[in-house]
C-alpha atoms as a PDB file:
ATOM      1  CA  MET A   1     -37.330   6.205 -51.951  1.00  0.00           C
ATOM      2  CA  ASN A   2     -38.415   3.285 -50.111  1.00  0.00           C
ATOM      3  CA  LYS A   3     -35.740   0.542 -49.683  1.00  0.00           C
ATOM      4  CA  LEU A   4     -35.575  -2.265 -52.449  1.00  0.00           C
ATOM      5  CA  ILE A   5     -37.058  -5.535 -51.473  1.00  0.00           C
ATOM      6  CA  LYS A   6     -37.565  -8.617 -53.140  1.00  0.00           C
ATOM      7  CA  ALA A   7     -41.130 -10.620 -53.186  1.00  0.00           C
ATOM      8  CA  ASP A   8     -42.202 -13.537 -54.510  1.00  0.00           C
ATOM      9  CA  PHE A   9     -45.851 -12.758 -55.977  1.00  0.00           C
ATOM     10  CA  HIS A  10     -47.031 -16.649 -56.400  1.00  0.00           C
ATOM     11  CA  VAL A  11     -47.355 -18.701 -53.267  1.00  0.00           C
ATOM     12  CA  HIS A  12     -49.457 -21.364 -52.288  1.00  0.00           C
ATOM     13  CA  SER A  13     -49.791 -22.798 -48.876  1.00  0.00           C
ATOM     14  CA  ILE A  14     -51.558 -25.794 -47.137  1.00  0.00           C
ATOM     15  CA  ALA A  15     -54.569 -24.202 -47.611  1.00  0.00           C
ATOM     16  CA  SER A  16     -54.690 -24.598 -51.550  1.00  0.00           C
ATOM     17  CA  TRP A  17     -55.775 -28.301 -52.562  1.00  0.00           C
ATOM     18  CA  ASP A  18     -52.581 -29.021 -54.140  1.00  0.00           C
ATOM     19  CA  SER A  19     -49.879 -27.747 -51.291  1.00  0.00           C
ATOM     20  CA  LEU A  20     -48.656 -29.464 -48.321  1.00  0.00           C
ATOM     21  CA  SER A  21     -46.676 -25.914 -47.333  1.00  0.00           C
ATOM     22  CA  LYS A  22     -47.487 -24.574 -44.046  1.00  0.00           C
ATOM     23  CA  GLY A  23     -47.388 -20.823 -43.501  1.00  0.00           C
ATOM     24  CA  GLU A  24     -45.056 -21.002 -40.752  1.00  0.00           C
ATOM     25  CA  ALA A  25     -42.578 -23.123 -42.821  1.00  0.00           C
ATOM     26  CA  LEU A  26     -42.947 -20.705 -45.908  1.00  0.00           C
ATOM     27  CA  TYR A  27     -42.424 -17.817 -43.266  1.00  0.00           C
ATOM     28  CA  ARG A  28     -39.225 -19.210 -41.985  1.00  0.00           C
ATOM     29  CA  ARG A  29     -38.042 -19.720 -45.895  1.00  0.00           C
ATOM     30  CA  ALA A  30     -38.912 -16.316 -46.654  1.00  0.00           C
ATOM     31  CA  LYS A  31     -36.740 -14.496 -43.947  1.00  0.00           C
ATOM     32  CA  ARG A  32     -34.029 -17.230 -44.639  1.00  0.00           C
ATOM     33  CA  ILE A  33     -33.694 -16.353 -48.379  1.00  0.00           C
ATOM     34  CA  GLY A  34     -34.037 -12.643 -47.744  1.00  0.00           C
ATOM     35  CA  LEU A  35     -37.841 -12.054 -49.041  1.00  0.00           C
ATOM     36  CA  GLY A  36     -38.900  -8.691 -48.056  1.00  0.00           C
ATOM     37  CA  LYS A  37     -42.598  -9.766 -48.076  1.00  0.00           C
ATOM     38  CA  LEU A  38     -44.339 -12.843 -48.109  1.00  0.00           C
ATOM     39  CA  ILE A  39     -47.474 -13.153 -50.339  1.00  0.00           C
ATOM     40  CA  LEU A  40     -49.740 -15.745 -49.984  1.00  0.00           C
ATOM     41  CA  THR A  41     -52.139 -16.789 -53.047  1.00  0.00           C
ATOM     42  CA  ASP A  42     -53.776 -20.032 -52.301  1.00  0.00           C
ATOM     43  CA  HIS A  43     -56.422 -21.252 -54.636  1.00  0.00           C
ATOM     44  CA  ASN A  44     -59.860 -19.799 -53.738  1.00  0.00           C
ATOM     45  CA  THR A  45     -59.088 -19.091 -50.442  1.00  0.00           C
ATOM     46  CA  ILE A  46     -57.812 -16.586 -48.418  1.00  0.00           C
ATOM     47  CA  SER A  47     -57.884 -18.346 -44.841  1.00  0.00           C
ATOM     48  CA  GLU A  48     -54.314 -19.465 -44.407  1.00  0.00           C
ATOM     49  CA  ALA A  49     -53.133 -15.816 -45.531  1.00  0.00           C
ATOM     50  CA  ILE A  50     -55.175 -14.084 -43.056  1.00  0.00           C
ATOM     51  CA  ARG A  51     -54.369 -16.558 -40.050  1.00  0.00           C
ATOM     52  CA  LEU A  52     -50.498 -16.141 -40.902  1.00  0.00           C
ATOM     53  CA  GLN A  53     -50.941 -12.288 -41.502  1.00  0.00           C
ATOM     54  CA  LYS A  54     -52.244 -11.755 -37.893  1.00  0.00           C
ATOM     55  CA  MET A  55     -49.028 -13.557 -36.814  1.00  0.00           C
ATOM     56  CA  TYR A  56     -46.625 -11.438 -38.987  1.00  0.00           C
ATOM     57  CA  PRO A  57     -48.563  -8.392 -40.139  1.00  0.00           C
ATOM     58  CA  ASP A  58     -45.734  -6.164 -41.403  1.00  0.00           C
ATOM     59  CA  PHE A  59     -44.611  -8.850 -43.476  1.00  0.00           C
ATOM     60  CA  VAL A  60     -47.645 -11.125 -44.639  1.00  0.00           C
ATOM     61  CA  ILE A  61     -49.864  -9.981 -47.716  1.00  0.00           C
ATOM     62  CA  VAL A  62     -53.108 -11.694 -48.180  1.00  0.00           C
ATOM     63  CA  GLY A  63     -53.667 -12.462 -51.851  1.00  0.00           C
ATOM     64  CA  GLU A  64     -55.904 -15.304 -53.882  1.00  0.00           C
ATOM     65  CA  GLU A  65     -55.590 -16.879 -57.159  1.00  0.00           C
ATOM     66  CA  ILE A  66     -58.995 -17.601 -58.385  1.00  0.00           C
ATOM     67  CA  LEU A  67     -60.497 -19.909 -61.046  1.00  0.00           C
ATOM     68  CA  THR A  68     -63.039 -18.349 -62.780  1.00  0.00           C
ATOM     69  CA  SER A  69     -65.281 -20.053 -65.295  1.00  0.00           C
ATOM     70  CA  ARG A  70     -62.143 -19.290 -68.034  1.00  0.00           C
ATOM     71  CA  ALA A  71     -58.876 -19.068 -66.236  1.00  0.00           C
ATOM     72  CA  GLU A  72     -57.191 -17.921 -63.085  1.00  0.00           C
ATOM     73  CA  ILE A  73     -56.919 -14.294 -61.733  1.00  0.00           C
ATOM     74  CA  LEU A  74     -53.824 -13.531 -59.412  1.00  0.00           C
ATOM     75  CA  ALA A  75     -54.727 -10.941 -56.835  1.00  0.00           C
ATOM     76  CA  ILE A  76     -52.855  -9.136 -54.251  1.00  0.00           C
ATOM     77  CA  PHE A  77     -54.291  -7.396 -51.083  1.00  0.00           C
ATOM     78  CA  VAL A  78     -57.233  -9.204 -51.139  1.00  0.00           C
ATOM     79  CA  LYS A  79     -59.891  -7.992 -48.562  1.00  0.00           C
ATOM     80  CA  GLU A  80     -62.707 -10.226 -49.167  1.00  0.00           C
ATOM     81  CA  GLU A  81     -62.378 -13.861 -50.565  1.00  0.00           C
ATOM     82  CA  ILE A  82     -63.727 -14.686 -54.050  1.00  0.00           C
ATOM     83  CA  PRO A  83     -65.679 -17.593 -54.873  1.00  0.00           C
ATOM     84  CA  LYS A  84     -64.286 -20.016 -57.927  1.00  0.00           C
ATOM     85  CA  ASP A  85     -66.339 -20.648 -60.950  1.00  0.00           C
ATOM     86  CA  ILE A  86     -67.634 -16.758 -61.220  1.00  0.00           C
ATOM     87  CA  GLU A  87     -67.488 -15.210 -64.856  1.00  0.00           C
ATOM     88  CA  PRO A  88     -64.025 -13.369 -65.037  1.00  0.00           C
ATOM     89  CA  VAL A  89     -65.625  -9.819 -65.140  1.00  0.00           C
ATOM     90  CA  GLU A  90     -67.677 -10.441 -62.001  1.00  0.00           C
ATOM     91  CA  ALA A  91     -64.072 -11.399 -60.261  1.00  0.00           C
ATOM     92  CA  LEU A  92     -62.607  -8.392 -61.562  1.00  0.00           C
ATOM     93  CA  LYS A  93     -65.478  -6.082 -60.656  1.00  0.00           C
ATOM     94  CA  ARG A  94     -65.226  -7.746 -56.863  1.00  0.00           C
ATOM     95  CA  LEU A  95     -61.552  -7.488 -56.908  1.00  0.00           C
ATOM     96  CA  ARG A  96     -61.667  -3.906 -58.255  1.00  0.00           C
ATOM     97  CA  ASP A  97     -64.260  -2.840 -55.535  1.00  0.00           C
ATOM     98  CA  GLN A  98     -62.468  -4.009 -52.656  1.00  0.00           C
ATOM     99  CA  GLY A  99     -59.311  -1.872 -54.195  1.00  0.00           C
ATOM    100  CA  ALA A 100     -57.263  -5.162 -54.707  1.00  0.00           C
ATOM    101  CA  PHE A 101     -54.222  -5.385 -57.189  1.00  0.00           C
ATOM    102  CA  ILE A 102     -55.133  -7.326 -60.292  1.00  0.00           C
ATOM    103  CA  SER A 103     -53.178  -9.720 -61.999  1.00  0.00           C
ATOM    104  CA  LEU A 104     -53.803 -12.629 -64.414  1.00  0.00           C
ATOM    105  CA  SER A 105     -51.925 -15.869 -64.129  1.00  0.00           C
ATOM    106  CA  HIS A 106     -49.524 -17.714 -66.295  1.00  0.00           C
ATOM    107  CA  PRO A 107     -51.378 -16.445 -69.552  1.00  0.00           C
ATOM    108  CA  TYR A 108     -49.637 -18.493 -72.248  1.00  0.00           C
ATOM    109  CA  ALA A 109     -49.541 -21.796 -70.249  1.00  0.00           C
ATOM    110  CA  PRO A 110     -52.068 -24.056 -72.360  1.00  0.00           C
ATOM    111  CA  MET A 111     -52.386 -26.808 -69.833  1.00  0.00           C
ATOM    112  CA  ARG A 112     -52.722 -24.391 -66.853  1.00  0.00           C
ATOM    113  CA  PHE A 113     -56.094 -22.621 -67.130  1.00  0.00           C
ATOM    114  CA  HIS A 114     -54.553 -20.004 -69.686  1.00  0.00           C
ATOM    115  CA  TRP A 115     -56.035 -16.715 -70.984  1.00  0.00           C
ATOM    116  CA  THR A 116     -56.113 -16.004 -74.537  1.00  0.00           C
ATOM    117  CA  GLU A 117     -54.764 -12.935 -76.367  1.00  0.00           C
ATOM    118  CA  GLU A 118     -58.222 -11.527 -76.957  1.00  0.00           C
ATOM    119  CA  GLU A 119     -59.128 -12.100 -73.377  1.00  0.00           C
ATOM    120  CA  MET A 120     -56.480 -10.166 -71.730  1.00  0.00           C
ATOM    121  CA  GLU A 121     -57.141  -7.213 -74.395  1.00  0.00           C
ATOM    122  CA  LYS A 122     -60.734  -7.368 -73.414  1.00  0.00           C
ATOM    123  CA  PHE A 123     -60.050  -7.130 -69.359  1.00  0.00           C
ATOM    124  CA  LEU A 124     -57.122  -4.374 -69.756  1.00  0.00           C
ATOM    125  CA  PRO A 125     -59.201  -1.835 -68.140  1.00  0.00           C
ATOM    126  CA  TRP A 126     -59.347  -4.179 -65.018  1.00  0.00           C
ATOM    127  CA  LEU A 127     -55.780  -4.999 -65.002  1.00  0.00           C
ATOM    128  CA  ASP A 128     -53.092  -3.719 -62.777  1.00  0.00           C
ATOM    129  CA  ALA A 129     -50.485  -6.520 -64.359  1.00  0.00           C
ATOM    130  CA  ILE A 130     -50.062  -9.845 -66.134  1.00  0.00           C
ATOM    131  CA  GLU A 131     -47.861 -12.700 -64.496  1.00  0.00           C
ATOM    132  CA  ILE A 132     -44.925 -12.380 -67.197  1.00  0.00           C
ATOM    133  CA  ALA A 133     -42.434 -14.745 -65.043  1.00  0.00           C
ATOM    134  CA  ASN A 134     -43.852 -17.889 -63.288  1.00  0.00           C
ATOM    135  CA  ALA A 135     -41.141 -20.639 -62.662  1.00  0.00           C
ATOM    136  CA  ARG A 136     -43.017 -23.483 -63.341  1.00  0.00           C
ATOM    137  CA  CYS A 137     -43.801 -21.982 -66.949  1.00  0.00           C
ATOM    138  CA  MET A 138     -41.421 -22.733 -69.786  1.00  0.00           C
ATOM    139  CA  PRO A 139     -39.237 -19.816 -70.856  1.00  0.00           C
ATOM    140  CA  GLU A 140     -40.879 -19.521 -73.991  1.00  0.00           C
ATOM    141  CA  MET A 141     -44.367 -18.817 -72.206  1.00  0.00           C
ATOM    142  CA  ASN A 142     -42.676 -16.399 -69.870  1.00  0.00           C
ATOM    143  CA  HIS A 143     -41.238 -14.730 -72.843  1.00  0.00           C
ATOM    144  CA  LEU A 144     -44.346 -14.443 -74.648  1.00  0.00           C
ATOM    145  CA  ALA A 145     -46.409 -12.628 -71.384  1.00  0.00           C
ATOM    146  CA  MET A 146     -43.532 -10.367 -71.246  1.00  0.00           C
ATOM    147  CA  LYS A 147     -44.021  -9.218 -75.032  1.00  0.00           C
ATOM    148  CA  PHE A 148     -47.780  -9.016 -74.499  1.00  0.00           C
ATOM    149  CA  ALA A 149     -47.519  -6.714 -71.224  1.00  0.00           C
ATOM    150  CA  ALA A 150     -44.887  -4.593 -73.196  1.00  0.00           C
ATOM    151  CA  TYR A 151     -46.959  -3.899 -76.150  1.00  0.00           C
ATOM    152  CA  HIS A 152     -49.756  -2.952 -74.226  1.00  0.00           C
ATOM    153  CA  GLY A 153     -47.944  -0.902 -71.568  1.00  0.00           C
ATOM    154  CA  LEU A 154     -48.855  -3.312 -69.009  1.00  0.00           C
ATOM    155  CA  ARG A 155     -46.901  -3.970 -65.859  1.00  0.00           C
ATOM    156  CA  GLY A 156     -45.852  -7.716 -64.931  1.00  0.00           C
ATOM    157  CA  THR A 157     -45.478  -9.784 -61.784  1.00  0.00           C
ATOM    158  CA  ALA A 158     -43.245 -12.708 -61.019  1.00  0.00           C
ATOM    159  CA  GLY A 159     -43.361 -15.729 -58.768  1.00  0.00           C
ATOM    160  CA  SER A 160     -42.320 -19.192 -57.805  1.00  0.00           C
ATOM    161  CA  ASP A 161     -45.954 -20.793 -58.085  1.00  0.00           C
ATOM    162  CA  ALA A 162     -44.691 -22.804 -55.089  1.00  0.00           C
ATOM    163  CA  HIS A 163     -46.593 -25.380 -54.008  1.00  0.00           C
ATOM    164  CA  GLY A 164     -43.462 -26.582 -51.854  1.00  0.00           C
ATOM    165  CA  VAL A 165     -41.581 -24.630 -49.617  1.00  0.00           C
ATOM    166  CA  PRO A 166     -38.308 -25.224 -51.271  1.00  0.00           C
ATOM    167  CA  GLU A 167     -39.524 -23.854 -54.317  1.00  0.00           C
ATOM    168  CA  LEU A 168     -40.323 -20.279 -52.782  1.00  0.00           C
ATOM    169  CA  GLY A 169     -38.600 -17.260 -54.191  1.00  0.00           C
ATOM    170  CA  ALA A 170     -37.267 -19.133 -57.317  1.00  0.00           C
ATOM    171  CA  MET A 171     -38.676 -15.960 -59.065  1.00  0.00           C
ATOM    172  CA  GLY A 172     -40.087 -12.837 -58.060  1.00  0.00           C
ATOM    173  CA  LEU A 173     -39.703  -9.193 -58.395  1.00  0.00           C
ATOM    174  CA  GLU A 174     -37.105  -6.844 -56.925  1.00  0.00           C
ATOM    175  CA  LEU A 175     -39.030  -3.275 -55.985  1.00  0.00           C
ATOM    176  CA  PRO A 176     -39.224  -0.621 -53.745  1.00  0.00           C
ATOM    177  CA  ASP A 177     -41.092  -1.722 -50.770  1.00  0.00           C
ATOM    178  CA  PHE A 178     -44.823  -1.522 -50.281  1.00  0.00           C
ATOM    179  CA  ASN A 179     -47.622  -1.628 -47.696  1.00  0.00           C
ATOM    180  CA  THR A 180     -50.827  -1.184 -49.846  1.00  0.00           C
ATOM    181  CA  ALA A 181     -52.364  -1.864 -53.238  1.00  0.00           C
ATOM    182  CA  ASP A 182     -51.620   1.587 -54.343  1.00  0.00           C
ATOM    183  CA  GLU A 183     -48.125   1.595 -53.176  1.00  0.00           C
ATOM    184  CA  LEU A 184     -47.524  -1.626 -54.933  1.00  0.00           C
ATOM    185  CA  ARG A 185     -49.050   0.073 -57.962  1.00  0.00           C
ATOM    186  CA  GLU A 186     -46.353   2.660 -57.889  1.00  0.00           C
ATOM    187  CA  ALA A 187     -43.614   0.370 -57.093  1.00  0.00           C
ATOM    188  CA  ILE A 188     -44.019  -2.167 -59.889  1.00  0.00           C
ATOM    189  CA  LYS A 189     -43.176   0.761 -61.820  1.00  0.00           C
ATOM    190  CA  THR A 190     -39.623   0.214 -61.261  1.00  0.00           C
ATOM    191  CA  SER A 191     -39.531  -3.732 -60.523  1.00  0.00           C
ATOM    192  CA  LYS A 192     -37.089  -6.060 -62.137  1.00  0.00           C
ATOM    193  CA  VAL A 193     -37.417  -9.766 -62.579  1.00  0.00           C
ATOM    194  CA  PHE A 194     -35.201 -11.889 -60.402  1.00  0.00           C
ATOM    195  CA  GLY A 195     -34.782 -15.771 -60.532  1.00  0.00           C
ATOM    196  CA  ASN A 196     -35.147 -18.331 -63.020  1.00  0.00           C
ATOM    197  CA  GLU A 197     -37.702 -20.963 -64.212  1.00  0.00           C
ATOM    198  CA  SER A 198     -37.696 -24.096 -61.744  1.00  0.00           C
ATOM    199  CA  PRO A 199     -36.903 -27.476 -62.962  1.00  0.00           C
ATOM    200  CA  PHE A 200     -39.633 -29.782 -63.949  1.00  0.00           C
ATOM    201  CA  TRP A 201     -39.307 -32.332 -61.075  1.00  0.00           C
ATOM    202  CA  VAL A 202     -40.737 -29.454 -58.639  1.00  0.00           C
ATOM    203  CA  ARG A 203     -44.210 -30.619 -59.649  1.00  0.00           C
ATOM    204  CA  LYS A 204     -43.484 -33.626 -57.440  1.00  0.00           C
ATOM    205  CA  TYR A 205     -44.834 -30.939 -54.572  1.00  0.00           C
ATOM    206  CA  SER A 206     -48.194 -30.292 -56.218  1.00  0.00           C
ATOM    207  CA  ARG A 207     -48.671 -34.021 -56.966  1.00  0.00           C
ATOM    208  CA  GLY A 208     -47.672 -35.443 -54.111  1.00  0.00           C
ATOM    209  CA  ALA A 209     -49.894 -33.028 -52.028  1.00  0.00           C
ATOM    210  CA  VAL A 210     -53.069 -34.177 -54.413  1.00  0.00           C
ATOM    211  CA  PHE A 211     -52.280 -37.978 -53.596  1.00  0.00           C
ATOM    212  CA  ARG A 212     -51.973 -37.303 -49.904  1.00  0.00           C
ATOM    213  CA  LYS A 213     -54.644 -35.061 -49.234  1.00  0.00           C
ATOM    214  CA  ALA A 214     -56.803 -37.544 -51.289  1.00  0.00           C
ATOM    215  CA  LEU A 215     -55.641 -40.359 -48.882  1.00  0.00           C
ATOM    216  CA  ASP A 216     -56.073 -38.301 -45.696  1.00  0.00           C
ATOM    217  CA  ARG A 217     -59.817 -37.903 -46.767  1.00  0.00           C
ATOM    218  CA  GLU A 218     -60.306 -41.615 -47.197  1.00  0.00           C
ATOM    219  CA  LEU A 219     -58.323 -42.234 -43.769  1.00  0.00           C
ATOM    220  CA  GLY A 220     -60.598 -39.587 -42.335  1.00  0.00           C
ATOM    221  CA  PHE A 221     -57.633 -37.398 -41.186  1.00  0.00           C
ATOM    222  CA  ALA A 222     -57.830 -33.461 -41.371  1.00  0.00           C
ATOM    223  CA  THR A 223     -56.082 -32.193 -44.338  1.00  0.00           C
ATOM    224  CA  GLY A 224     -52.583 -32.932 -44.865  1.00  0.00           C
ATOM    225  CA  SER A 225     -52.303 -33.933 -40.912  1.00  0.00           C
ATOM    226  CA  LEU A 226     -49.986 -37.120 -41.961  1.00  0.00           C
ATOM    227  CA  TRP A 227     -47.610 -35.311 -44.048  1.00  0.00           C
ATOM    228  CA  ALA A 228     -47.237 -31.544 -43.659  1.00  0.00           C
ATOM    229  CA  ASP A 229     -44.474 -32.069 -41.100  1.00  0.00           C
ATOM    230  CA  ALA A 230     -42.520 -34.369 -42.981  1.00  0.00           C
ATOM    231  CA  ALA A 231     -43.009 -32.304 -46.154  1.00  0.00           C
ATOM    232  CA  ASN A 232     -41.852 -29.298 -45.077  1.00  0.00           C
END
């Protein structure tokens, strides 16, 4: 049996429109707090994840959080980027074709592109998991996701939904080590959630990033260039 590791399955970097977290800063924190893998799931892009994986191929995993025409899909081991705003079934087909591990983001968060139970039931044949523990969700939202997953015999992912470096590792899974999507599908069968929901104030990271990137655009600077070093 592979050794047990801890992994945060929902992490954003500076490649996301609402984060200023540099990949290197996330890598350093992941190592410092004892994570066994760093999984980057930026909004609608895999650019930073690919860049960082080239530097740390045994530690960084390429993921993507895809905003479909309905709500968000959380995919791990993504090889080809999925564009936003496409129909959910089309996104699921493209992910399945490339062998990605497929989860659904924060399904019970009403203000955050959530999924209905009817939709989740419809998509069950495509899914490896749903997100059952998101540190930026209220406990009752995570409880409902856990209940749905248990009822349908579905696995669950867990993550911080970090938009700032200090958030990384707030929630995640402890599970056997894995290096492929198929190994993850097996490892997640014996996984356990660790961590707790984050305080509301962590949203300052995402809200601050949106403001700062908008200001950068107005001033004609590269994305986050004035702020990323100071923020992380």
